[in-house]
Structures are given as C-alpha cells and as structure tokens.
Amino acid sequence: MNAVVTTSPLMDAALDAVFQALVVGITGLPGTLVRPRWQPVPPTQPSVTTNWAAIGVTTNAADAGPAILHDGTGSGADIYIRHEAITVLVTFYGPNSHKFASLVRDDIAIPQNTEGLLALDMRFVSSDPIRAVPELVNQQWLRRRDIALQFRRKITRSYPVLNLQSAEAVVQDDTNLEIDVTVPPNGRLPA
C-alpha cells in the first residue's frame, strides 16, 4: 500500500534549510556563513577571524505511538498522526562565537522569530546550555561554541484505507442455525 501524504514532512536538506534560515534570521550572519554541518564536498573553512556557523539535525525521535483515525468521507482514508522531537546542533565559530550562540538561545524564545515554524507544524521547545568547545587548527586555537536546540513536530499522513461498502457473511450459532447477513451499501443493518 502506498502512502498518500497530506502534510509532507520536510526531511534531510529541506529540513536543514528551515533551521539554516532560522539561524540566519536571528543572528544576522550571511546565509553563506551558516552552513549545513555535513556536506558531500565540504567548503573551505573560513579564517579564525570570521564568525560563522554549522548546523545539522542530530536526533529525530518519534513519540511512543501514532494516533490512527479513520476518515469516512469520500472513499475513506486512515489519518496517521505522530509527534517527534528534533534536536538541532548549532556550532558557532569565530571571535564572537559566544555572542552568536547567546543570541540564538535568547532570541529564539521571541514568538515572531519562530512563527514560520508553525506553518510546518513545528515549535521550539528548549535549548541546552552553551558549551565552549575550542578546536586546535594549524597550531591556532579556534573559538567554538555549541548549542543544541529542541523542537517538536507533528507529522500527518493519509493512507487510502477504503470504507466498507457492503459485506456478506454467514453466522452460525451453537445450535448450527445459519443466518445469512448482508450489510447494504449504506453500511446500516436493517432494524
């Protein structure tokens, strides 16, 4: 059976792009300096005097179980609803790495900054503490700050599970009496 998706959840590069735009909007860093964390061909790393960021989804955990509801309109469909927790690791590099990590931590709490996520059935939940994780590159310390951001997202899918139009069955009781039962197209048994 093929899934007919009513709300196509963004995944992979498309989901990274949502978080990239969020970080660009909050920090004011140029989009070219807020990069996906894992790229097939990594670009040249900016100099130690350049402020820049790397972002990427590190975990995507589904809740304990989905809700599945049948929609009897038309031919019928089962609606599958699940919630998931998404963790995004944002790493800031450069002389102002702490400043930019603090901006994201504080400014992501402003509703105006996350309104675009609501259209994607997503909401910001919380952030982890900012961690200093300096790196030694070419015998020079590179300032680095990591912050993990947690989001919740609702996933909705629709599967073509057709309505029962009619059915015929034979019911046999303990006395071996057989009763033919036919459910008419309207789905209602006669009284």
N, C-alpha and C. Protein backbone atom coordinates (compact mmCIF):
# COMPACT_ATOMS: atom_id res chain seq x y z
N MET A 1 0.85 -1.17 0.00
CA MET A 1 0.00 0.00 0.00
C MET A 1 0.89 1.22 0.00
N ASN A 2 0.58 2.18 -0.83
CA ASN A 2 1.36 3.42 -0.89
C ASN A 2 0.75 4.47 0.00
N ALA A 3 1.60 5.25 0.64
CA ALA A 3 1.14 6.35 1.47
C ALA A 3 0.79 7.54 0.60
N VAL A 4 -0.34 8.15 0.89
CA VAL A 4 -0.70 9.40 0.26
C VAL A 4 -0.49 10.45 1.34
N VAL A 5 0.53 11.25 1.21
CA VAL A 5 0.91 12.18 2.27
C VAL A 5 0.12 13.47 2.14
N THR A 6 -0.61 13.83 3.22
CA THR A 6 -1.37 15.07 3.20
C THR A 6 -0.51 16.23 3.67
N THR A 7 0.39 16.01 4.60
CA THR A 7 1.34 17.02 5.03
C THR A 7 2.70 16.40 4.83
N SER A 8 3.40 16.85 3.83
CA SER A 8 4.70 16.27 3.53
C SER A 8 5.73 16.79 4.53
N PRO A 9 6.19 15.95 5.45
CA PRO A 9 7.18 16.43 6.42
C PRO A 9 8.52 16.65 5.73
N LEU A 10 9.11 17.80 6.01
CA LEU A 10 10.42 18.10 5.45
C LEU A 10 11.46 17.20 6.10
N MET A 11 12.37 16.71 5.31
CA MET A 11 13.45 15.86 5.80
C MET A 11 14.75 16.26 5.11
N ASP A 12 15.86 15.76 5.64
CA ASP A 12 17.17 15.90 5.04
C ASP A 12 17.52 17.37 4.75
N ALA A 13 17.98 17.68 3.55
CA ALA A 13 18.45 19.03 3.23
C ALA A 13 17.33 20.07 3.36
N ALA A 14 16.10 19.70 3.05
CA ALA A 14 14.99 20.65 3.16
C ALA A 14 14.75 21.05 4.62
N LEU A 15 14.86 20.10 5.54
CA LEU A 15 14.70 20.41 6.96
C LEU A 15 15.88 21.24 7.46
N ASP A 16 17.10 20.88 7.04
CA ASP A 16 18.27 21.69 7.39
C ASP A 16 18.11 23.13 6.93
N ALA A 17 17.52 23.33 5.75
CA ALA A 17 17.34 24.68 5.21
C ALA A 17 16.41 25.51 6.08
N VAL A 18 15.40 24.88 6.68
CA VAL A 18 14.49 25.60 7.59
C VAL A 18 15.28 26.13 8.78
N PHE A 19 16.11 25.27 9.37
CA PHE A 19 16.88 25.69 10.55
C PHE A 19 17.99 26.67 10.17
N GLN A 20 18.54 26.53 8.98
CA GLN A 20 19.55 27.47 8.50
C GLN A 20 18.94 28.86 8.38
N ALA A 21 17.77 28.95 7.80
CA ALA A 21 17.09 30.25 7.66
C ALA A 21 16.76 30.84 9.03
N LEU A 22 16.38 30.01 9.98
CA LEU A 22 16.07 30.47 11.33
C LEU A 22 17.31 31.09 11.98
N VAL A 23 18.45 30.41 11.89
CA VAL A 23 19.69 30.91 12.49
C VAL A 23 20.16 32.18 11.77
N VAL A 24 20.06 32.22 10.45
CA VAL A 24 20.42 33.43 9.70
C VAL A 24 19.56 34.60 10.15
N GLY A 25 18.25 34.36 10.27
CA GLY A 25 17.33 35.44 10.66
C GLY A 25 17.60 35.97 12.06
N ILE A 26 17.95 35.10 12.97
CA ILE A 26 18.19 35.53 14.35
C ILE A 26 19.55 36.21 14.50
N THR A 27 20.58 35.65 13.90
CA THR A 27 21.94 36.16 14.11
C THR A 27 22.33 37.30 13.18
N GLY A 28 21.74 37.34 11.99
CA GLY A 28 22.16 38.32 11.00
C GLY A 28 23.41 37.91 10.25
N LEU A 29 23.92 36.71 10.52
CA LEU A 29 25.07 36.21 9.75
C LEU A 29 24.63 35.98 8.30
N PRO A 30 25.52 36.19 7.34
CA PRO A 30 25.16 35.89 5.94
C PRO A 30 24.83 34.40 5.77
N GLY A 31 23.89 34.12 4.89
CA GLY A 31 23.47 32.73 4.66
C GLY A 31 24.62 31.83 4.25
N THR A 32 25.61 32.38 3.56
CA THR A 32 26.75 31.57 3.13
C THR A 32 27.65 31.19 4.30
N LEU A 33 27.46 31.86 5.45
CA LEU A 33 28.28 31.56 6.63
C LEU A 33 27.49 30.79 7.70
N VAL A 34 26.28 30.35 7.36
CA VAL A 34 25.53 29.41 8.21
C VAL A 34 25.33 28.19 7.34
N ARG A 35 26.18 27.19 7.56
CA ARG A 35 26.32 26.08 6.63
C ARG A 35 25.75 24.78 7.19
N PRO A 36 25.28 23.92 6.29
CA PRO A 36 24.92 22.57 6.74
C PRO A 36 26.15 21.88 7.33
N ARG A 37 25.94 21.16 8.41
CA ARG A 37 27.04 20.52 9.13
C ARG A 37 27.76 19.47 8.29
N TRP A 38 27.03 18.63 7.59
CA TRP A 38 27.65 17.54 6.83
C TRP A 38 27.34 17.76 5.36
N GLN A 39 28.36 18.05 4.58
CA GLN A 39 28.19 18.27 3.15
C GLN A 39 29.03 17.26 2.39
N PRO A 40 28.54 16.79 1.23
CA PRO A 40 29.32 15.82 0.45
C PRO A 40 30.72 16.33 0.12
N VAL A 41 30.80 17.59 -0.26
CA VAL A 41 32.10 18.21 -0.54
C VAL A 41 32.18 19.44 0.38
N PRO A 42 32.86 19.30 1.52
CA PRO A 42 32.92 20.42 2.46
C PRO A 42 33.63 21.62 1.85
N PRO A 43 33.03 22.81 2.03
CA PRO A 43 33.69 24.01 1.51
C PRO A 43 34.90 24.37 2.38
N THR A 44 35.71 25.26 1.88
CA THR A 44 36.87 25.72 2.63
C THR A 44 36.41 26.39 3.92
N GLN A 45 37.05 26.05 5.02
CA GLN A 45 36.69 26.62 6.31
C GLN A 45 37.13 28.08 6.36
N PRO A 46 36.24 28.99 6.83
CA PRO A 46 36.63 30.40 6.93
C PRO A 46 37.80 30.58 7.91
N SER A 47 38.42 31.74 7.84
CA SER A 47 39.57 32.03 8.71
C SER A 47 39.12 32.10 10.17
N VAL A 48 40.08 32.04 11.08
CA VAL A 48 39.77 32.07 12.51
C VAL A 48 39.20 33.42 12.93
N THR A 49 39.31 34.44 12.11
CA THR A 49 38.77 35.76 12.43
C THR A 49 37.36 35.96 11.89
N THR A 50 36.80 34.95 11.22
CA THR A 50 35.46 35.04 10.64
C THR A 50 34.46 34.35 11.55
N ASN A 51 33.33 35.01 11.79
CA ASN A 51 32.22 34.40 12.55
C ASN A 51 31.35 33.62 11.57
N TRP A 52 31.13 32.35 11.88
CA TRP A 52 30.30 31.52 11.02
C TRP A 52 29.70 30.39 11.85
N ALA A 53 28.78 29.63 11.25
CA ALA A 53 28.09 28.56 11.99
C ALA A 53 27.89 27.34 11.11
N ALA A 54 27.81 26.20 11.76
CA ALA A 54 27.44 24.94 11.11
C ALA A 54 26.22 24.40 11.84
N ILE A 55 25.24 23.92 11.09
CA ILE A 55 24.01 23.40 11.70
C ILE A 55 23.69 22.02 11.14
N GLY A 56 22.97 21.23 11.94
CA GLY A 56 22.52 19.93 11.46
C GLY A 56 21.61 19.25 12.46
N VAL A 57 20.66 18.50 11.96
CA VAL A 57 19.77 17.71 12.82
C VAL A 57 20.57 16.53 13.33
N THR A 58 20.65 16.37 14.65
CA THR A 58 21.43 15.27 15.23
C THR A 58 20.55 14.15 15.75
N THR A 59 19.33 14.44 16.19
CA THR A 59 18.41 13.38 16.60
C THR A 59 17.01 13.71 16.13
N ASN A 60 16.25 12.66 15.87
CA ASN A 60 14.86 12.78 15.43
C ASN A 60 14.13 11.60 16.05
N ALA A 61 13.49 11.83 17.20
CA ALA A 61 12.85 10.74 17.96
C ALA A 61 11.34 10.83 17.87
N ALA A 62 10.72 9.72 17.51
CA ALA A 62 9.26 9.67 17.42
C ALA A 62 8.67 9.36 18.79
N ASP A 63 7.43 9.81 19.03
CA ASP A 63 6.75 9.52 20.29
C ASP A 63 6.41 8.03 20.36
N ALA A 64 5.81 7.62 21.47
CA ALA A 64 5.58 6.20 21.73
C ALA A 64 4.68 5.52 20.71
N GLY A 65 3.75 6.21 20.16
CA GLY A 65 2.87 5.57 19.18
C GLY A 65 2.01 6.59 18.47
N PRO A 66 1.65 6.33 17.23
CA PRO A 66 0.84 7.28 16.48
C PRO A 66 -0.64 7.13 16.81
N ALA A 67 -1.39 8.17 16.53
CA ALA A 67 -2.85 8.10 16.56
C ALA A 67 -3.28 7.80 15.13
N ILE A 68 -4.18 6.85 14.98
CA ILE A 68 -4.68 6.50 13.64
C ILE A 68 -6.19 6.62 13.68
N LEU A 69 -6.72 7.52 12.87
CA LEU A 69 -8.15 7.80 12.84
C LEU A 69 -8.67 7.53 11.45
N HIS A 70 -9.86 6.95 11.36
CA HIS A 70 -10.45 6.70 10.05
C HIS A 70 -11.32 7.87 9.66
N ASP A 71 -11.14 8.37 8.44
CA ASP A 71 -11.96 9.43 7.87
C ASP A 71 -12.88 8.76 6.85
N GLY A 72 -14.17 8.70 7.16
CA GLY A 72 -15.13 8.01 6.31
C GLY A 72 -15.65 8.82 5.15
N THR A 73 -15.23 10.05 4.99
CA THR A 73 -15.72 10.84 3.87
C THR A 73 -15.11 10.33 2.56
N GLY A 74 -15.86 10.49 1.49
CA GLY A 74 -15.40 10.01 0.18
C GLY A 74 -15.22 8.50 0.21
N SER A 75 -14.13 8.02 -0.34
CA SER A 75 -13.85 6.59 -0.36
C SER A 75 -13.26 6.09 0.95
N GLY A 76 -12.81 7.02 1.79
CA GLY A 76 -12.25 6.66 3.09
C GLY A 76 -10.73 6.73 3.12
N ALA A 77 -10.21 7.01 4.28
CA ALA A 77 -8.76 7.06 4.47
C ALA A 77 -8.46 6.97 5.96
N ASP A 78 -7.30 6.41 6.29
CA ASP A 78 -6.81 6.44 7.66
C ASP A 78 -5.84 7.59 7.79
N ILE A 79 -6.05 8.41 8.80
CA ILE A 79 -5.18 9.55 9.07
C ILE A 79 -4.24 9.14 10.19
N TYR A 80 -2.96 9.23 9.91
CA TYR A 80 -1.88 8.85 10.81
C TYR A 80 -1.27 10.13 11.38
N ILE A 81 -1.25 10.27 12.71
CA ILE A 81 -0.69 11.46 13.35
C ILE A 81 0.34 11.01 14.38
N ARG A 82 1.52 11.57 14.28
CA ARG A 82 2.61 11.25 15.22
C ARG A 82 3.35 12.55 15.54
N HIS A 83 3.93 12.60 16.72
CA HIS A 83 4.77 13.74 17.10
C HIS A 83 6.19 13.26 17.25
N GLU A 84 7.13 14.14 16.92
CA GLU A 84 8.53 13.78 17.06
C GLU A 84 9.32 14.93 17.66
N ALA A 85 10.39 14.57 18.33
CA ALA A 85 11.32 15.55 18.90
C ALA A 85 12.54 15.62 17.99
N ILE A 86 12.91 16.83 17.63
CA ILE A 86 14.05 17.06 16.74
C ILE A 86 15.09 17.88 17.50
N THR A 87 16.33 17.41 17.49
CA THR A 87 17.43 18.17 18.09
C THR A 87 18.33 18.67 16.97
N VAL A 88 18.61 19.96 17.01
CA VAL A 88 19.48 20.61 16.03
C VAL A 88 20.71 21.12 16.76
N LEU A 89 21.88 20.68 16.32
CA LEU A 89 23.13 21.17 16.90
C LEU A 89 23.61 22.35 16.05
N VAL A 90 23.79 23.50 16.71
CA VAL A 90 24.31 24.69 16.04
C VAL A 90 25.68 24.97 16.66
N THR A 91 26.71 25.01 15.83
CA THR A 91 28.07 25.29 16.27
C THR A 91 28.50 26.62 15.68
N PHE A 92 28.90 27.54 16.55
CA PHE A 92 29.38 28.85 16.12
C PHE A 92 30.89 28.87 16.25
N TYR A 93 31.54 29.40 15.22
CA TYR A 93 33.00 29.55 15.19
C TYR A 93 33.33 31.03 15.07
N GLY A 94 34.51 31.41 15.54
CA GLY A 94 35.00 32.77 15.33
C GLY A 94 35.10 33.55 16.62
N PRO A 95 35.61 34.79 16.52
CA PRO A 95 35.87 35.59 17.71
C PRO A 95 34.60 35.95 18.49
N ASN A 96 33.42 35.94 17.84
CA ASN A 96 32.16 36.26 18.53
C ASN A 96 31.25 35.05 18.64
N SER A 97 31.83 33.87 18.70
CA SER A 97 31.03 32.65 18.74
C SER A 97 30.08 32.62 19.94
N HIS A 98 30.55 33.09 21.09
CA HIS A 98 29.69 33.09 22.29
C HIS A 98 28.53 34.07 22.11
N LYS A 99 28.80 35.22 21.53
CA LYS A 99 27.77 36.23 21.28
C LYS A 99 26.65 35.65 20.41
N PHE A 100 27.03 34.98 19.32
CA PHE A 100 26.02 34.45 18.41
C PHE A 100 25.25 33.28 19.03
N ALA A 101 25.92 32.44 19.80
CA ALA A 101 25.22 31.34 20.48
C ALA A 101 24.22 31.91 21.49
N SER A 102 24.60 32.98 22.19
CA SER A 102 23.69 33.62 23.16
C SER A 102 22.50 34.25 22.45
N LEU A 103 22.76 34.87 21.29
CA LEU A 103 21.65 35.45 20.52
C LEU A 103 20.62 34.39 20.16
N VAL A 104 21.10 33.25 19.66
CA VAL A 104 20.17 32.18 19.28
C VAL A 104 19.41 31.68 20.51
N ARG A 105 20.13 31.43 21.60
CA ARG A 105 19.49 30.92 22.83
C ARG A 105 18.39 31.87 23.29
N ASP A 106 18.65 33.17 23.28
CA ASP A 106 17.69 34.14 23.82
C ASP A 106 16.61 34.53 22.80
N ASP A 107 17.02 34.81 21.58
CA ASP A 107 16.08 35.35 20.59
C ASP A 107 15.14 34.31 19.99
N ILE A 108 15.46 33.04 20.12
CA ILE A 108 14.56 32.01 19.60
C ILE A 108 13.29 31.91 20.45
N ALA A 109 13.34 32.48 21.66
CA ALA A 109 12.17 32.48 22.54
C ALA A 109 11.14 33.55 22.13
N ILE A 110 11.52 34.48 21.27
CA ILE A 110 10.60 35.53 20.81
C ILE A 110 9.66 34.91 19.76
N PRO A 111 8.35 34.91 20.01
CA PRO A 111 7.41 34.24 19.09
C PRO A 111 7.56 34.67 17.63
N GLN A 112 7.82 35.94 17.37
CA GLN A 112 7.95 36.41 16.00
C GLN A 112 9.07 35.68 15.25
N ASN A 113 10.10 35.27 15.96
CA ASN A 113 11.23 34.60 15.32
C ASN A 113 10.93 33.16 14.92
N THR A 114 9.90 32.58 15.49
CA THR A 114 9.60 31.18 15.18
C THR A 114 8.22 30.98 14.55
N GLU A 115 7.56 32.07 14.16
CA GLU A 115 6.23 31.94 13.55
C GLU A 115 6.24 31.08 12.29
N GLY A 116 7.32 31.16 11.51
CA GLY A 116 7.41 30.36 10.29
C GLY A 116 7.39 28.86 10.56
N LEU A 117 7.83 28.46 11.75
CA LEU A 117 7.82 27.04 12.09
C LEU A 117 6.40 26.51 12.27
N LEU A 118 5.48 27.36 12.73
CA LEU A 118 4.10 26.94 12.99
C LEU A 118 3.42 26.43 11.72
N ALA A 119 3.74 27.03 10.58
CA ALA A 119 3.16 26.58 9.30
C ALA A 119 3.64 25.18 8.94
N LEU A 120 4.75 24.75 9.55
CA LEU A 120 5.29 23.40 9.31
C LEU A 120 4.93 22.45 10.44
N ASP A 121 3.94 22.83 11.26
CA ASP A 121 3.52 22.05 12.43
C ASP A 121 4.69 21.78 13.36
N MET A 122 5.53 22.80 13.54
CA MET A 122 6.73 22.66 14.36
C MET A 122 6.77 23.82 15.36
N ARG A 123 7.39 23.53 16.51
CA ARG A 123 7.51 24.54 17.56
C ARG A 123 8.84 24.36 18.29
N PHE A 124 9.47 25.48 18.67
CA PHE A 124 10.66 25.44 19.50
C PHE A 124 10.26 25.05 20.91
N VAL A 125 11.07 24.17 21.55
CA VAL A 125 10.76 23.70 22.90
C VAL A 125 11.77 24.23 23.92
N SER A 126 13.05 23.99 23.68
CA SER A 126 14.06 24.39 24.65
C SER A 126 15.45 24.34 24.02
N SER A 127 16.43 24.80 24.80
CA SER A 127 17.82 24.72 24.34
C SER A 127 18.68 24.20 25.49
N ASP A 128 19.76 23.53 25.12
CA ASP A 128 20.74 23.08 26.11
C ASP A 128 21.67 24.23 26.44
N PRO A 129 22.46 24.10 27.49
CA PRO A 129 23.44 25.14 27.79
C PRO A 129 24.45 25.31 26.65
N ILE A 130 24.96 26.50 26.52
CA ILE A 130 26.01 26.78 25.54
C ILE A 130 27.30 26.16 26.05
N ARG A 131 27.98 25.40 25.18
CA ARG A 131 29.23 24.75 25.57
C ARG A 131 30.40 25.33 24.80
N ALA A 132 31.48 25.65 25.51
CA ALA A 132 32.73 26.06 24.87
C ALA A 132 33.47 24.80 24.45
N VAL A 133 33.77 24.69 23.15
CA VAL A 133 34.47 23.53 22.62
C VAL A 133 35.55 24.03 21.65
N PRO A 134 36.60 24.70 22.16
CA PRO A 134 37.62 25.23 21.26
C PRO A 134 38.32 24.12 20.49
N GLU A 135 38.77 24.45 19.28
CA GLU A 135 39.47 23.48 18.43
C GLU A 135 40.86 24.02 18.09
N LEU A 136 41.84 23.13 18.12
CA LEU A 136 43.20 23.49 17.71
C LEU A 136 43.34 23.18 16.22
N VAL A 137 43.48 24.24 15.41
CA VAL A 137 43.58 24.11 13.96
C VAL A 137 44.85 24.82 13.52
N ASN A 138 45.75 24.07 12.87
CA ASN A 138 47.02 24.64 12.40
C ASN A 138 47.77 25.39 13.50
N GLN A 139 47.87 24.75 14.65
CA GLN A 139 48.59 25.32 15.80
C GLN A 139 47.98 26.62 16.30
N GLN A 140 46.68 26.81 16.05
CA GLN A 140 46.00 28.03 16.49
C GLN A 140 44.64 27.62 17.06
N TRP A 141 44.29 28.19 18.23
CA TRP A 141 43.00 27.86 18.83
C TRP A 141 41.88 28.60 18.10
N LEU A 142 40.87 27.85 17.71
CA LEU A 142 39.68 28.39 17.05
C LEU A 142 38.56 28.43 18.09
N ARG A 143 38.01 29.63 18.33
CA ARG A 143 36.91 29.75 19.29
C ARG A 143 35.68 29.05 18.71
N ARG A 144 35.02 28.26 19.57
CA ARG A 144 33.85 27.50 19.13
C ARG A 144 32.87 27.38 20.29
N ARG A 145 31.57 27.54 19.97
CA ARG A 145 30.51 27.35 20.95
C ARG A 145 29.44 26.46 20.32
N ASP A 146 28.98 25.47 21.07
CA ASP A 146 27.90 24.57 20.62
C ASP A 146 26.65 24.85 21.43
N ILE A 147 25.50 24.81 20.76
CA ILE A 147 24.21 24.87 21.44
C ILE A 147 23.26 23.92 20.73
N ALA A 148 22.59 23.08 21.50
CA ALA A 148 21.60 22.16 20.94
C ALA A 148 20.21 22.73 21.18
N LEU A 149 19.41 22.76 20.13
CA LEU A 149 18.04 23.29 20.18
C LEU A 149 17.05 22.15 20.00
N GLN A 150 16.01 22.12 20.82
CA GLN A 150 14.99 21.07 20.71
C GLN A 150 13.70 21.65 20.13
N PHE A 151 13.14 20.90 19.20
CA PHE A 151 11.88 21.26 18.56
C PHE A 151 10.93 20.07 18.62
N ARG A 152 9.62 20.32 18.54
CA ARG A 152 8.60 19.27 18.41
C ARG A 152 7.90 19.50 17.09
N ARG A 153 7.54 18.38 16.45
CA ARG A 153 6.88 18.48 15.16
C ARG A 153 5.78 17.44 15.07
N LYS A 154 4.67 17.85 14.45
CA LYS A 154 3.54 16.95 14.20
C LYS A 154 3.64 16.45 12.77
N ILE A 155 3.58 15.14 12.61
CA ILE A 155 3.60 14.51 11.29
C ILE A 155 2.19 13.98 11.01
N THR A 156 1.64 14.32 9.87
CA THR A 156 0.32 13.83 9.48
C THR A 156 0.43 13.19 8.10
N ARG A 157 -0.06 11.97 8.01
CA ARG A 157 -0.08 11.26 6.73
C ARG A 157 -1.47 10.67 6.52
N SER A 158 -1.83 10.45 5.27
CA SER A 158 -3.13 9.85 4.95
C SER A 158 -2.89 8.61 4.09
N TYR A 159 -3.51 7.52 4.50
CA TYR A 159 -3.39 6.25 3.77
C TYR A 159 -4.76 5.87 3.21
N PRO A 160 -4.83 5.42 1.96
CA PRO A 160 -6.12 5.07 1.35
C PRO A 160 -6.66 3.75 1.91
N VAL A 161 -7.29 3.82 3.07
CA VAL A 161 -7.96 2.66 3.65
C VAL A 161 -9.44 2.88 3.37
N LEU A 162 -9.94 2.15 2.40
CA LEU A 162 -11.28 2.39 1.87
C LEU A 162 -12.37 1.99 2.86
N ASN A 163 -13.50 2.68 2.75
CA ASN A 163 -14.66 2.36 3.56
C ASN A 163 -15.24 1.01 3.14
N LEU A 164 -15.81 0.30 4.05
CA LEU A 164 -16.51 -0.95 3.76
C LEU A 164 -17.84 -0.57 3.13
N GLN A 165 -18.05 -1.00 1.88
CA GLN A 165 -19.26 -0.64 1.16
C GLN A 165 -20.40 -1.62 1.41
N SER A 166 -20.07 -2.90 1.47
CA SER A 166 -21.06 -3.92 1.77
C SER A 166 -20.31 -5.20 2.11
N ALA A 167 -21.02 -6.11 2.78
CA ALA A 167 -20.40 -7.38 3.14
C ALA A 167 -21.47 -8.45 3.24
N GLU A 168 -21.06 -9.67 2.95
CA GLU A 168 -21.95 -10.81 3.13
C GLU A 168 -21.26 -11.79 4.05
N ALA A 169 -22.01 -12.35 5.00
CA ALA A 169 -21.42 -13.29 5.95
C ALA A 169 -22.48 -14.30 6.36
N VAL A 170 -22.01 -15.44 6.81
CA VAL A 170 -22.89 -16.45 7.36
C VAL A 170 -22.51 -16.61 8.83
N VAL A 171 -23.49 -16.46 9.71
CA VAL A 171 -23.27 -16.59 11.15
C VAL A 171 -23.94 -17.88 11.60
N GLN A 172 -23.23 -18.68 12.36
CA GLN A 172 -23.78 -19.95 12.84
C GLN A 172 -23.76 -19.92 14.36
N ASP A 173 -24.93 -20.24 14.97
CA ASP A 173 -24.97 -20.25 16.43
C ASP A 173 -24.69 -21.64 16.97
N ASP A 174 -24.81 -21.86 18.29
CA ASP A 174 -24.49 -23.14 18.93
C ASP A 174 -25.41 -24.27 18.48
N THR A 175 -26.56 -23.95 17.96
CA THR A 175 -27.49 -24.98 17.52
C THR A 175 -27.34 -25.29 16.03
N ASN A 176 -26.27 -24.79 15.42
CA ASN A 176 -26.00 -24.97 14.00
C ASN A 176 -27.01 -24.27 13.10
N LEU A 177 -27.70 -23.26 13.65
CA LEU A 177 -28.62 -22.46 12.85
C LEU A 177 -27.79 -21.43 12.10
N GLU A 178 -27.92 -21.43 10.78
CA GLU A 178 -27.16 -20.48 9.97
C GLU A 178 -28.03 -19.29 9.63
N ILE A 179 -27.43 -18.11 9.73
CA ILE A 179 -28.13 -16.87 9.41
C ILE A 179 -27.27 -16.13 8.39
N ASP A 180 -27.86 -15.81 7.24
CA ASP A 180 -27.16 -15.02 6.25
C ASP A 180 -27.33 -13.54 6.62
N VAL A 181 -26.20 -12.83 6.62
CA VAL A 181 -26.22 -11.40 6.94
C VAL A 181 -25.60 -10.66 5.76
N THR A 182 -26.30 -9.66 5.27
CA THR A 182 -25.78 -8.82 4.20
C THR A 182 -25.86 -7.38 4.68
N VAL A 183 -24.70 -6.72 4.66
CA VAL A 183 -24.66 -5.30 5.01
C VAL A 183 -24.83 -4.54 3.71
N PRO A 184 -25.88 -3.72 3.63
CA PRO A 184 -26.12 -2.98 2.38
C PRO A 184 -25.09 -1.87 2.17
N PRO A 185 -25.06 -1.30 0.97
CA PRO A 185 -24.09 -0.25 0.66
C PRO A 185 -24.11 0.94 1.63
N ASN A 186 -25.24 1.21 2.27
CA ASN A 186 -25.28 2.33 3.21
C ASN A 186 -24.61 1.98 4.54
N GLY A 187 -24.20 0.71 4.72
CA GLY A 187 -23.47 0.30 5.91
C GLY A 187 -24.36 0.05 7.12
N ARG A 188 -25.67 0.16 6.98
CA ARG A 188 -26.56 0.01 8.15
C ARG A 188 -27.36 -1.28 8.00
N LEU A 189 -27.36 -2.04 9.06
CA LEU A 189 -28.18 -3.26 9.09
C LEU A 189 -29.63 -2.89 9.32
N PRO A 190 -30.57 -3.66 8.75
CA PRO A 190 -31.98 -3.36 8.99
C PRO A 190 -32.31 -3.61 10.46
N ALA A 191 -33.23 -2.85 10.97
CA ALA A 191 -33.63 -2.95 12.38
C ALA A 191 -34.42 -4.21 12.64
